[in-house]
């Protein structure tokens, strides 16, 4: 997902301070706001159990 799409999603959630955040940090904030495990880019990505995660493709590349 392109960083602009991530920012749009963050804005929809009314997250603040998103203008200067890196993509990975934005995704972690979105995961927290949506009450999901904030795991993007973590070691968990190697054995991620969340097959339906919208961030999965980017996460496993990180």
Protein backbone atom coordinates (compact mmCIF):
# COMPACT_ATOMS: atom_id res chain seq x y z
CA UNK A 1 0.00 0.00 0.00
CA UNK A 2 1.36 3.40 -0.95
CA UNK A 3 2.17 5.80 1.90
CA UNK A 4 -0.48 8.27 0.70
CA UNK A 5 -3.14 5.56 1.04
CA UNK A 6 -1.88 4.85 4.55
CA UNK A 7 -2.07 8.58 5.43
CA UNK A 8 -5.63 8.75 4.06
CA UNK A 9 -6.62 5.84 6.26
CA UNK A 10 -4.95 7.46 9.28
CA UNK A 11 -6.80 10.73 8.60
CA UNK A 12 -10.09 8.84 8.42
CA UNK A 13 -9.34 7.55 11.92
CA UNK A 14 -8.60 11.14 13.02
CA UNK A 15 -5.05 10.30 14.09
CA UNK A 16 -2.90 13.33 14.80
CA UNK A 17 0.70 14.09 13.89
CA UNK A 18 0.65 11.86 10.85
CA UNK A 19 2.25 14.31 8.41
CA UNK A 20 5.83 13.53 9.34
CA UNK A 21 5.49 9.89 10.38
CA UNK A 22 7.17 7.12 8.48
CA UNK A 23 4.92 4.58 6.79
CA UNK A 24 5.71 1.86 9.34
CA UNK A 25 4.89 4.18 12.26
CA UNK A 26 1.62 5.21 10.63
CA UNK A 27 0.61 1.60 10.19
CA UNK A 28 1.41 0.82 13.83
CA UNK A 29 -0.74 3.78 14.92
CA UNK A 30 -3.59 2.59 12.70
CA UNK A 31 -3.30 -0.93 14.10
CA UNK A 32 -3.58 0.45 17.65
CA UNK A 33 -6.52 2.71 16.74
CA UNK A 34 -8.35 -0.24 15.21
CA UNK A 35 -7.64 -2.40 18.30
CA UNK A 36 -5.38 -4.79 16.41
CA UNK A 37 -2.03 -6.10 17.54
CA UNK A 38 0.55 -3.41 16.62
CA UNK A 39 2.91 -5.85 14.95
CA UNK A 40 3.81 -4.32 11.59
CA UNK A 41 7.46 -4.96 10.75
CA UNK A 42 8.06 -6.95 13.92
CA UNK A 43 9.65 -10.37 14.29
CA UNK A 44 6.14 -11.81 14.34
CA UNK A 45 5.94 -11.11 10.60
CA UNK A 46 7.98 -14.21 9.84
CA UNK A 47 5.28 -16.46 11.28
CA UNK A 48 2.30 -14.14 11.06
CA UNK A 49 -0.99 -15.84 11.90
CA UNK A 50 -3.09 -13.00 10.39
CA UNK A 51 -3.64 -14.14 6.80
CA UNK A 52 -6.38 -11.54 6.23
CA UNK A 53 -4.34 -8.54 7.42
CA UNK A 54 -4.41 -5.68 4.90
CA UNK A 55 -0.77 -4.85 5.80
CA UNK A 56 0.54 -8.40 5.35
CA UNK A 57 2.10 -7.93 1.91
CA UNK A 58 4.07 -4.85 3.02
CA UNK A 59 4.90 -6.36 6.39
CA UNK A 60 6.52 -9.55 5.16
CA UNK A 61 8.66 -7.47 2.75
CA UNK A 62 9.93 -5.30 5.63
